[in-house]
């Protein structure tokens, strides 16, 4: 399967402004790229790429005063298979976890593990550890939060999403991550493309998506509390402890979003 991804984002800056951008496809998908990925910025400026501590490909630049356009257009080969299901994946004791997984048990900016500990054990202490427990968390979050674009708020935390019972995909993801960490299951935040492939089309505008990985049975597995069903064509861009680690654009100064378009769709071989 071939998936066409890309974006067209325009910001307005009153003055030259340093910017960090996480707008690349994740390096783990590099071998599946059919077309070289380029971050196209207009007007042209110097772009310095680097890799952050989570292994994400990032860019540094100084935006010029006025309107700045960020664009990309990629073609990615995908297996066409839905998210892998491993129902017998077991939960590890903390002492048996690899060192790199431990930071995904700790509280972070949007995932208040300390504040939600009692809630998590009251809700899920009776469930079977491992895959079934994570599934129970996703079922709960999927039912508990009402999806509403108009209620999006960039500062909403996991506890606030639990309390307010409304949000967007990042809120579903933060709440599920916080609950999993409370239950001693390492969980990390993921952002990327997820098109309407293999599911009924909706009238909702296309956007970047959020989901999460958990560490079970010696490897990381994908879960999605927002959709709560295995999906086809997930294209990872970045991952970290929560949304603070994977902001697609961080502007170090005043800015105004002018245009925002995201695309991700299946294309027929030879038709692109």
C-alpha atoms as a PDB file:
ATOM      1  CA  UNK A   1       0.000   0.000   0.000  1.00  0.00           C
ATOM      2  CA  UNK A   2       1.173   3.541  -0.793  1.00  0.00           C
ATOM      3  CA  UNK A   3       0.167   6.456   1.416  1.00  0.00           C
ATOM      4  CA  UNK A   4       0.488  10.086   0.359  1.00  0.00           C
ATOM      5  CA  UNK A   5       1.209  12.354   3.342  1.00  0.00           C
ATOM      6  CA  UNK A   6       1.928  16.032   3.697  1.00  0.00           C
ATOM      7  CA  UNK A   7       0.969  19.372   5.168  1.00  0.00           C
ATOM      8  CA  UNK A   8       0.730  23.065   4.338  1.00  0.00           C
ATOM      9  CA  UNK A   9       1.026  25.290   7.414  1.00  0.00           C
ATOM     10  CA  UNK A  10       1.334  29.073   7.486  1.00  0.00           C
ATOM     11  CA  UNK A  11       2.307  31.151  10.531  1.00  0.00           C
ATOM     12  CA  UNK A  12       2.640  34.912  10.791  1.00  0.00           C
ATOM     13  CA  UNK A  13       5.503  36.347  12.857  1.00  0.00           C
ATOM     14  CA  UNK A  14       5.817  40.015  13.920  1.00  0.00           C
ATOM     15  CA  UNK A  15       9.607  39.688  14.154  1.00  0.00           C
ATOM     16  CA  UNK A  16      12.353  37.163  13.363  1.00  0.00           C
ATOM     17  CA  UNK A  17      11.617  34.182  15.618  1.00  0.00           C
ATOM     18  CA  UNK A  18      13.566  31.009  16.487  1.00  0.00           C
ATOM     19  CA  UNK A  19      11.560  27.863  15.682  1.00  0.00           C
ATOM     20  CA  UNK A  20      11.925  24.170  16.474  1.00  0.00           C
ATOM     21  CA  UNK A  21      10.084  21.896  14.055  1.00  0.00           C
ATOM     22  CA  UNK A  22       9.196  18.200  14.345  1.00  0.00           C
ATOM     23  CA  UNK A  23       7.590  17.969  10.942  1.00  0.00           C
ATOM     24  CA  UNK A  24       9.552  15.035   9.552  1.00  0.00           C
ATOM     25  CA  UNK A  25       8.426  11.439   9.350  1.00  0.00           C
ATOM     26  CA  UNK A  26      10.111   9.419  12.110  1.00  0.00           C
ATOM     27  CA  UNK A  27      13.511   7.868  11.189  1.00  0.00           C
ATOM     28  CA  UNK A  28      12.036   4.389  11.799  1.00  0.00           C
ATOM     29  CA  UNK A  29       9.997   4.860   8.586  1.00  0.00           C
ATOM     30  CA  UNK A  30      12.943   6.016   6.486  1.00  0.00           C
ATOM     31  CA  UNK A  31      13.340   2.714   4.607  1.00  0.00           C
ATOM     32  CA  UNK A  32       9.685   2.823   3.528  1.00  0.00           C
ATOM     33  CA  UNK A  33       9.918   6.287   1.942  1.00  0.00           C
ATOM     34  CA  UNK A  34       9.361   6.162  -1.816  1.00  0.00           C
ATOM     35  CA  UNK A  35      10.106   9.857  -2.214  1.00  0.00           C
ATOM     36  CA  UNK A  36      12.796  11.850  -0.391  1.00  0.00           C
ATOM     37  CA  UNK A  37      11.203  13.939   2.339  1.00  0.00           C
ATOM     38  CA  UNK A  38      12.010  17.659   2.284  1.00  0.00           C
ATOM     39  CA  UNK A  39      10.888  20.376   4.691  1.00  0.00           C
ATOM     40  CA  UNK A  40      10.030  23.231   2.324  1.00  0.00           C
ATOM     41  CA  UNK A  41      10.004  26.636   3.995  1.00  0.00           C
ATOM     42  CA  UNK A  42       9.010  29.890   2.267  1.00  0.00           C
ATOM     43  CA  UNK A  43      10.621  32.342   2.337  1.00  0.00           C
ATOM     44  CA  UNK A  44      13.835  30.327   2.325  1.00  0.00           C
ATOM     45  CA  UNK A  45      15.899  30.218   5.519  1.00  0.00           C
ATOM     46  CA  UNK A  46      18.755  28.114   6.814  1.00  0.00           C
ATOM     47  CA  UNK A  47      17.544  24.838   8.384  1.00  0.00           C
ATOM     48  CA  UNK A  48      19.713  22.778  10.758  1.00  0.00           C
ATOM     49  CA  UNK A  49      18.571  19.222  11.433  1.00  0.00           C
ATOM     50  CA  UNK A  50      19.311  17.306  14.625  1.00  0.00           C
ATOM     51  CA  UNK A  51      18.109  14.212  16.503  1.00  0.00           C
ATOM     52  CA  UNK A  52      16.624  14.707  19.966  1.00  0.00           C
ATOM     53  CA  UNK A  53      16.997  12.422  23.008  1.00  0.00           C
ATOM     54  CA  UNK A  54      13.916  10.395  21.981  1.00  0.00           C
ATOM     55  CA  UNK A  55      15.302   9.653  18.513  1.00  0.00           C
ATOM     56  CA  UNK A  56      13.056  12.123  16.685  1.00  0.00           C
ATOM     57  CA  UNK A  57      14.318  14.019  13.647  1.00  0.00           C
ATOM     58  CA  UNK A  58      14.001  17.755  14.299  1.00  0.00           C
ATOM     59  CA  UNK A  59      14.833  21.055  12.613  1.00  0.00           C
ATOM     60  CA  UNK A  60      16.025  24.431  13.900  1.00  0.00           C
ATOM     61  CA  UNK A  61      15.487  27.658  11.982  1.00  0.00           C
ATOM     62  CA  UNK A  62      14.835  31.363  12.402  1.00  0.00           C
ATOM     63  CA  UNK A  63      11.550  32.422  10.842  1.00  0.00           C
ATOM     64  CA  UNK A  64      11.552  35.786   9.108  1.00  0.00           C
ATOM     65  CA  UNK A  65       9.104  38.511  10.060  1.00  0.00           C
ATOM     66  CA  UNK A  66       5.846  38.166   8.151  1.00  0.00           C
ATOM     67  CA  UNK A  67       4.169  35.041   6.819  1.00  0.00           C
ATOM     68  CA  UNK A  68       6.129  31.780   6.834  1.00  0.00           C
ATOM     69  CA  UNK A  69       4.928  28.671   5.020  1.00  0.00           C
ATOM     70  CA  UNK A  70       5.935  25.119   6.030  1.00  0.00           C
ATOM     71  CA  UNK A  71       5.208  22.405   3.469  1.00  0.00           C
ATOM     72  CA  UNK A  72       6.051  18.796   2.765  1.00  0.00           C
ATOM     73  CA  UNK A  73       4.864  16.075   0.432  1.00  0.00           C
ATOM     74  CA  UNK A  74       5.813  12.413   0.914  1.00  0.00           C
ATOM     75  CA  UNK A  75       4.985   8.996  -0.439  1.00  0.00           C
ATOM     76  CA  UNK A  76       5.331   6.123   2.031  1.00  0.00           C
ATOM     77  CA  UNK A  77       5.041   2.386   1.527  1.00  0.00           C
ATOM     78  CA  UNK A  78       2.972   0.655   4.209  1.00  0.00           C
ATOM     79  CA  UNK A  79       2.136  -2.995   4.886  1.00  0.00           C
ATOM     80  CA  UNK A  80      -1.597  -2.277   4.805  1.00  0.00           C
ATOM     81  CA  UNK A  81      -1.963  -4.365   7.955  1.00  0.00           C
ATOM     82  CA  UNK A  82      -3.878  -3.065  10.994  1.00  0.00           C
ATOM     83  CA  UNK A  83      -2.159  -2.443  14.330  1.00  0.00           C
ATOM     84  CA  UNK A  84      -0.701  -5.723  15.594  1.00  0.00           C
ATOM     85  CA  UNK A  85      -2.645  -7.463  18.366  1.00  0.00           C
ATOM     86  CA  UNK A  86      -0.714  -9.599  20.885  1.00  0.00           C
ATOM     87  CA  UNK A  87      -3.299 -10.553  23.461  1.00  0.00           C
ATOM     88  CA  UNK A  88      -0.918 -12.698  25.515  1.00  0.00           C
ATOM     89  CA  UNK A  89       1.757  -9.965  25.899  1.00  0.00           C
ATOM     90  CA  UNK A  90       2.674  -9.959  29.583  1.00  0.00           C
ATOM     91  CA  UNK A  91       3.359  -7.075  31.915  1.00  0.00           C
ATOM     92  CA  UNK A  92       6.902  -6.851  33.283  1.00  0.00           C
ATOM     93  CA  UNK A  93       7.864  -6.374  36.883  1.00  0.00           C
ATOM     94  CA  UNK A  94       9.569  -2.995  37.228  1.00  0.00           C
ATOM     95  CA  UNK A  95      12.924  -4.583  38.116  1.00  0.00           C
ATOM     96  CA  UNK A  96      12.814  -6.488  34.799  1.00  0.00           C
ATOM     97  CA  UNK A  97      12.194  -3.451  32.580  1.00  0.00           C
ATOM     98  CA  UNK A  98      15.010  -2.186  30.335  1.00  0.00           C
ATOM     99  CA  UNK A  99      16.581   1.058  31.486  1.00  0.00           C
ATOM    100  CA  UNK A 100      15.174   2.995  28.525  1.00  0.00           C
ATOM    101  CA  UNK A 101      11.584   2.175  29.493  1.00  0.00           C
ATOM    102  CA  UNK A 102      11.788   3.525  33.042  1.00  0.00           C
ATOM    103  CA  UNK A 103      11.311   7.205  32.134  1.00  0.00           C
ATOM    104  CA  UNK A 104       7.961   6.275  30.599  1.00  0.00           C
ATOM    105  CA  UNK A 105       6.680   5.320  34.053  1.00  0.00           C
ATOM    106  CA  UNK A 106       7.278   8.763  35.554  1.00  0.00           C
ATOM    107  CA  UNK A 107       4.996  11.808  35.786  1.00  0.00           C
ATOM    108  CA  UNK A 108       5.396  14.322  32.949  1.00  0.00           C
ATOM    109  CA  UNK A 109       4.024  17.724  31.978  1.00  0.00           C
ATOM    110  CA  UNK A 110       0.591  16.468  30.863  1.00  0.00           C
ATOM    111  CA  UNK A 111       0.441  13.091  32.630  1.00  0.00           C
ATOM    112  CA  UNK A 112       0.121  13.530  36.406  1.00  0.00           C
ATOM    113  CA  UNK A 113       0.842   9.993  37.571  1.00  0.00           C
ATOM    114  CA  UNK A 114       1.084  11.054  41.212  1.00  0.00           C
ATOM    115  CA  UNK A 115      -2.329  12.718  41.091  1.00  0.00           C
ATOM    116  CA  UNK A 116      -4.077   9.790  39.384  1.00  0.00           C
ATOM    117  CA  UNK A 117      -2.543   6.832  41.215  1.00  0.00           C
ATOM    118  CA  UNK A 118      -5.505   6.053  43.481  1.00  0.00           C
ATOM    119  CA  UNK A 119      -7.997   6.564  40.657  1.00  0.00           C
ATOM    120  CA  UNK A 120      -6.143   4.123  38.400  1.00  0.00           C
ATOM    121  CA  UNK A 121      -5.983   1.332  40.967  1.00  0.00           C
ATOM    122  CA  UNK A 122      -9.607   1.792  41.964  1.00  0.00           C
ATOM    123  CA  UNK A 123     -10.664   1.516  38.322  1.00  0.00           C
ATOM    124  CA  UNK A 124      -8.295  -1.217  37.098  1.00  0.00           C
ATOM    125  CA  UNK A 125      -6.819  -2.997  40.102  1.00  0.00           C
ATOM    126  CA  UNK A 126      -9.147  -5.946  39.475  1.00  0.00           C
ATOM    127  CA  UNK A 127      -8.130  -6.391  35.805  1.00  0.00           C
ATOM    128  CA  UNK A 128      -5.638  -8.954  34.497  1.00  0.00           C
ATOM    129  CA  UNK A 129      -2.128  -7.429  34.176  1.00  0.00           C
ATOM    130  CA  UNK A 130      -0.748  -7.120  30.658  1.00  0.00           C
ATOM    131  CA  UNK A 131      -2.582  -6.679  27.363  1.00  0.00           C
ATOM    132  CA  UNK A 132      -6.033  -7.059  28.932  1.00  0.00           C
ATOM    133  CA  UNK A 133      -5.336  -4.298  31.448  1.00  0.00           C
ATOM    134  CA  UNK A 134      -4.236  -1.837  28.759  1.00  0.00           C
ATOM    135  CA  UNK A 135      -7.317  -2.789  26.755  1.00  0.00           C
ATOM    136  CA  UNK A 136      -9.483  -2.026  29.789  1.00  0.00           C
ATOM    137  CA  UNK A 137      -7.818   1.380  30.113  1.00  0.00           C
ATOM    138  CA  UNK A 138      -8.524   2.162  26.446  1.00  0.00           C
ATOM    139  CA  UNK A 139     -12.140   1.024  26.746  1.00  0.00           C
ATOM    140  CA  UNK A 140     -12.642   3.281  29.753  1.00  0.00           C
ATOM    141  CA  UNK A 141     -10.984   6.353  28.203  1.00  0.00           C
ATOM    142  CA  UNK A 142     -12.853   5.852  24.926  1.00  0.00           C
ATOM    143  CA  UNK A 143     -16.190   5.871  26.785  1.00  0.00           C
ATOM    144  CA  UNK A 144     -15.255   8.501  29.363  1.00  0.00           C
ATOM    145  CA  UNK A 145     -14.142  11.347  27.054  1.00  0.00           C
ATOM    146  CA  UNK A 146     -16.400  12.981  24.474  1.00  0.00           C
ATOM    147  CA  UNK A 147     -14.488  14.005  21.353  1.00  0.00           C
ATOM    148  CA  UNK A 148     -15.030  17.663  20.446  1.00  0.00           C
ATOM    149  CA  UNK A 149     -12.669  19.783  18.307  1.00  0.00           C
ATOM    150  CA  UNK A 150     -14.313  22.945  19.622  1.00  0.00           C
ATOM    151  CA  UNK A 151     -13.293  21.993  23.160  1.00  0.00           C
ATOM    152  CA  UNK A 152      -9.585  21.602  22.333  1.00  0.00           C
ATOM    153  CA  UNK A 153      -7.221  23.260  24.808  1.00  0.00           C
ATOM    154  CA  UNK A 154      -3.450  23.028  24.563  1.00  0.00           C
ATOM    155  CA  UNK A 155      -2.947  23.180  28.338  1.00  0.00           C
ATOM    156  CA  UNK A 156      -5.402  20.389  29.306  1.00  0.00           C
ATOM    157  CA  UNK A 157      -3.720  17.655  31.356  1.00  0.00           C
ATOM    158  CA  UNK A 158      -4.662  14.007  31.830  1.00  0.00           C
ATOM    159  CA  UNK A 159      -6.357  14.706  35.155  1.00  0.00           C
ATOM    160  CA  UNK A 160      -8.284  17.624  33.663  1.00  0.00           C
ATOM    161  CA  UNK A 161      -9.407  15.431  30.760  1.00  0.00           C
ATOM    162  CA  UNK A 162     -10.588  12.846  33.282  1.00  0.00           C
ATOM    163  CA  UNK A 163     -12.446  15.530  35.245  1.00  0.00           C
ATOM    164  CA  UNK A 164     -13.904  17.460  32.277  1.00  0.00           C
ATOM    165  CA  UNK A 165     -14.714  14.358  30.178  1.00  0.00           C
ATOM    166  CA  UNK A 166     -14.166  16.141  26.865  1.00  0.00           C
ATOM    167  CA  UNK A 167     -11.224  16.661  24.534  1.00  0.00           C
ATOM    168  CA  UNK A 168      -9.408  15.703  21.353  1.00  0.00           C
ATOM    169  CA  UNK A 169      -7.065  12.820  20.488  1.00  0.00           C
ATOM    170  CA  UNK A 170      -4.172  14.196  22.573  1.00  0.00           C
ATOM    171  CA  UNK A 171      -6.453  14.246  25.645  1.00  0.00           C
ATOM    172  CA  UNK A 172      -7.532  10.636  25.116  1.00  0.00           C
ATOM    173  CA  UNK A 173      -3.869   9.734  24.775  1.00  0.00           C
ATOM    174  CA  UNK A 174      -2.657  11.659  27.827  1.00  0.00           C
ATOM    175  CA  UNK A 175      -5.313  10.114  30.057  1.00  0.00           C
ATOM    176  CA  UNK A 176      -4.576   6.574  28.835  1.00  0.00           C
ATOM    177  CA  UNK A 177      -0.825   7.096  29.274  1.00  0.00           C
ATOM    178  CA  UNK A 178      -1.223   8.453  32.815  1.00  0.00           C
ATOM    179  CA  UNK A 179      -3.442   5.537  33.842  1.00  0.00           C
ATOM    180  CA  UNK A 180      -1.031   2.968  32.364  1.00  0.00           C
ATOM    181  CA  UNK A 181       1.941   4.528  34.151  1.00  0.00           C
ATOM    182  CA  UNK A 182      -0.012   4.464  37.418  1.00  0.00           C
ATOM    183  CA  UNK A 183      -0.427   0.720  36.831  1.00  0.00           C
ATOM    184  CA  UNK A 184       3.353   0.294  36.313  1.00  0.00           C
ATOM    185  CA  UNK A 185       3.071  -0.104  32.529  1.00  0.00           C
ATOM    186  CA  UNK A 186       5.562   2.068  30.570  1.00  0.00           C
ATOM    187  CA  UNK A 187       3.657   4.256  28.109  1.00  0.00           C
ATOM    188  CA  UNK A 188       4.939   6.795  25.585  1.00  0.00           C
ATOM    189  CA  UNK A 189       3.147   9.433  23.489  1.00  0.00           C
ATOM    190  CA  UNK A 190       3.142   9.188  19.674  1.00  0.00           C
ATOM    191  CA  UNK A 191       2.094  11.685  17.023  1.00  0.00           C
ATOM    192  CA  UNK A 192       1.812  11.324  13.276  1.00  0.00           C
ATOM    193  CA  UNK A 193      -0.501  10.732  10.351  1.00  0.00           C
ATOM    194  CA  UNK A 194      -3.599   8.527  10.502  1.00  0.00           C
ATOM    195  CA  UNK A 195      -5.902   8.691   7.497  1.00  0.00           C
ATOM    196  CA  UNK A 196      -9.359   7.225   6.981  1.00  0.00           C
ATOM    197  CA  UNK A 197      -8.073   3.994   5.484  1.00  0.00           C
ATOM    198  CA  UNK A 198     -10.265   0.950   6.050  1.00  0.00           C
ATOM    199  CA  UNK A 199     -12.865   2.970   7.991  1.00  0.00           C
ATOM    200  CA  UNK A 200     -15.914   5.023   6.929  1.00  0.00           C
ATOM    201  CA  UNK A 201     -15.027   8.540   5.827  1.00  0.00           C
ATOM    202  CA  UNK A 202     -16.119  11.463   8.008  1.00  0.00           C
ATOM    203  CA  UNK A 203     -16.612  15.179   7.469  1.00  0.00           C
ATOM    204  CA  UNK A 204     -14.011  16.062  10.106  1.00  0.00           C
ATOM    205  CA  UNK A 205     -11.026  18.086   8.821  1.00  0.00           C
ATOM    206  CA  UNK A 206      -7.807  16.092   8.504  1.00  0.00           C
ATOM    207  CA  UNK A 207      -5.332  16.680  11.301  1.00  0.00           C
ATOM    208  CA  UNK A 208      -2.276  15.077  12.825  1.00  0.00           C
ATOM    209  CA  UNK A 209      -3.185  12.273  15.237  1.00  0.00           C
ATOM    210  CA  UNK A 210      -2.049  11.093  18.661  1.00  0.00           C
ATOM    211  CA  UNK A 211      -1.813   7.538  20.011  1.00  0.00           C
ATOM    212  CA  UNK A 212       0.477   5.719  22.434  1.00  0.00           C
ATOM    213  CA  UNK A 213       2.822   2.760  22.833  1.00  0.00           C
ATOM    214  CA  UNK A 214       3.107   0.496  25.861  1.00  0.00           C
ATOM    215  CA  UNK A 215       5.944  -1.844  26.782  1.00  0.00           C
ATOM    216  CA  UNK A 216       4.667  -5.411  27.221  1.00  0.00           C
ATOM    217  CA  UNK A 217       6.207  -8.781  26.497  1.00  0.00           C
ATOM    218  CA  UNK A 218       9.644  -7.371  25.716  1.00  0.00           C
ATOM    219  CA  UNK A 219       8.570  -4.876  23.036  1.00  0.00           C
ATOM    220  CA  UNK A 220       6.510  -1.760  22.350  1.00  0.00           C
ATOM    221  CA  UNK A 221       2.919  -2.095  21.154  1.00  0.00           C
ATOM    222  CA  UNK A 222       0.533   0.479  19.660  1.00  0.00           C
ATOM    223  CA  UNK A 223      -2.756   1.427  21.354  1.00  0.00           C
ATOM    224  CA  UNK A 224      -5.266   4.120  20.461  1.00  0.00           C
ATOM    225  CA  UNK A 225      -7.826   5.185  23.083  1.00  0.00           C
ATOM    226  CA  UNK A 226      -9.442   7.731  20.744  1.00  0.00           C
ATOM    227  CA  UNK A 227     -10.404   5.246  18.018  1.00  0.00           C
ATOM    228  CA  UNK A 228     -10.132   2.129  20.212  1.00  0.00           C
ATOM    229  CA  UNK A 229      -9.810  -0.237  17.272  1.00  0.00           C
ATOM    230  CA  UNK A 230      -6.832  -1.473  15.204  1.00  0.00           C
ATOM    231  CA  UNK A 231      -6.203   0.940  12.339  1.00  0.00           C
ATOM    232  CA  UNK A 232      -4.373   0.788   9.006  1.00  0.00           C
ATOM    233  CA  UNK A 233      -1.753   3.246   7.791  1.00  0.00           C
ATOM    234  CA  UNK A 234      -0.365   4.788  10.968  1.00  0.00           C
ATOM    235  CA  UNK A 235       2.685   6.927  10.023  1.00  0.00           C
ATOM    236  CA  UNK A 236       4.796   7.917  13.026  1.00  0.00           C
ATOM    237  CA  UNK A 237       6.403  11.367  13.145  1.00  0.00           C
ATOM    238  CA  UNK A 238       7.630  11.695  16.736  1.00  0.00           C
ATOM    239  CA  UNK A 239       7.323  10.152  20.185  1.00  0.00           C
ATOM    240  CA  UNK A 240       8.129  11.195  23.752  1.00  0.00           C
ATOM    241  CA  UNK A 241       6.756  11.343  27.281  1.00  0.00           C
ATOM    242  CA  UNK A 242       3.750  13.465  26.291  1.00  0.00           C
ATOM    243  CA  UNK A 243       2.730  16.196  23.843  1.00  0.00           C
ATOM    244  CA  UNK A 244       5.283  18.617  25.301  1.00  0.00           C
ATOM    245  CA  UNK A 245       8.092  16.458  23.882  1.00  0.00           C
ATOM    246  CA  UNK A 246       6.652  16.222  20.363  1.00  0.00           C
ATOM    247  CA  UNK A 247       5.247  19.659  19.553  1.00  0.00           C
ATOM    248  CA  UNK A 248       5.269  19.857  15.760  1.00  0.00           C
ATOM    249  CA  UNK A 249       6.189  23.553  15.836  1.00  0.00           C
ATOM    250  CA  UNK A 250       7.612  25.431  18.823  1.00  0.00           C
ATOM    251  CA  UNK A 251       7.805  29.186  18.251  1.00  0.00           C
ATOM    252  CA  UNK A 252      10.038  31.117  20.651  1.00  0.00           C
ATOM    253  CA  UNK A 253       8.093  34.337  20.333  1.00  0.00           C
ATOM    254  CA  UNK A 254       4.685  35.686  19.282  1.00  0.00           C
ATOM    255  CA  UNK A 255       3.068  34.001  16.282  1.00  0.00           C
ATOM    256  CA  UNK A 256      -0.329  33.529  14.666  1.00  0.00           C
ATOM    257  CA  UNK A 257      -1.567  30.453  12.816  1.00  0.00           C
ATOM    258  CA  UNK A 258      -2.958  31.525   9.423  1.00  0.00           C
ATOM    259  CA  UNK A 259      -3.462  28.273   7.484  1.00  0.00           C
ATOM    260  CA  UNK A 260      -3.373  24.597   8.448  1.00  0.00           C
ATOM    261  CA  UNK A 261      -3.861  21.680   6.062  1.00  0.00           C
ATOM    262  CA  UNK A 262      -2.878  18.036   6.617  1.00  0.00           C
ATOM    263  CA  UNK A 263      -3.311  15.214   4.121  1.00  0.00           C
ATOM    264  CA  UNK A 264      -2.881  11.466   4.398  1.00  0.00           C
ATOM    265  CA  UNK A 265      -4.546   9.153   1.917  1.00  0.00           C
ATOM    266  CA  UNK A 266      -4.026   5.874   0.112  1.00  0.00           C
ATOM    267  CA  UNK A 267      -2.955   6.194  -3.508  1.00  0.00           C
ATOM    268  CA  UNK A 268      -2.923   3.640  -6.310  1.00  0.00           C
ATOM    269  CA  UNK A 269       0.508   2.430  -7.433  1.00  0.00           C
ATOM    270  CA  UNK A 270       1.580   4.421 -10.497  1.00  0.00           C
ATOM    271  CA  UNK A 271      -1.105   7.081 -10.009  1.00  0.00           C
ATOM    272  CA  UNK A 272       0.900   9.412  -7.773  1.00  0.00           C
END
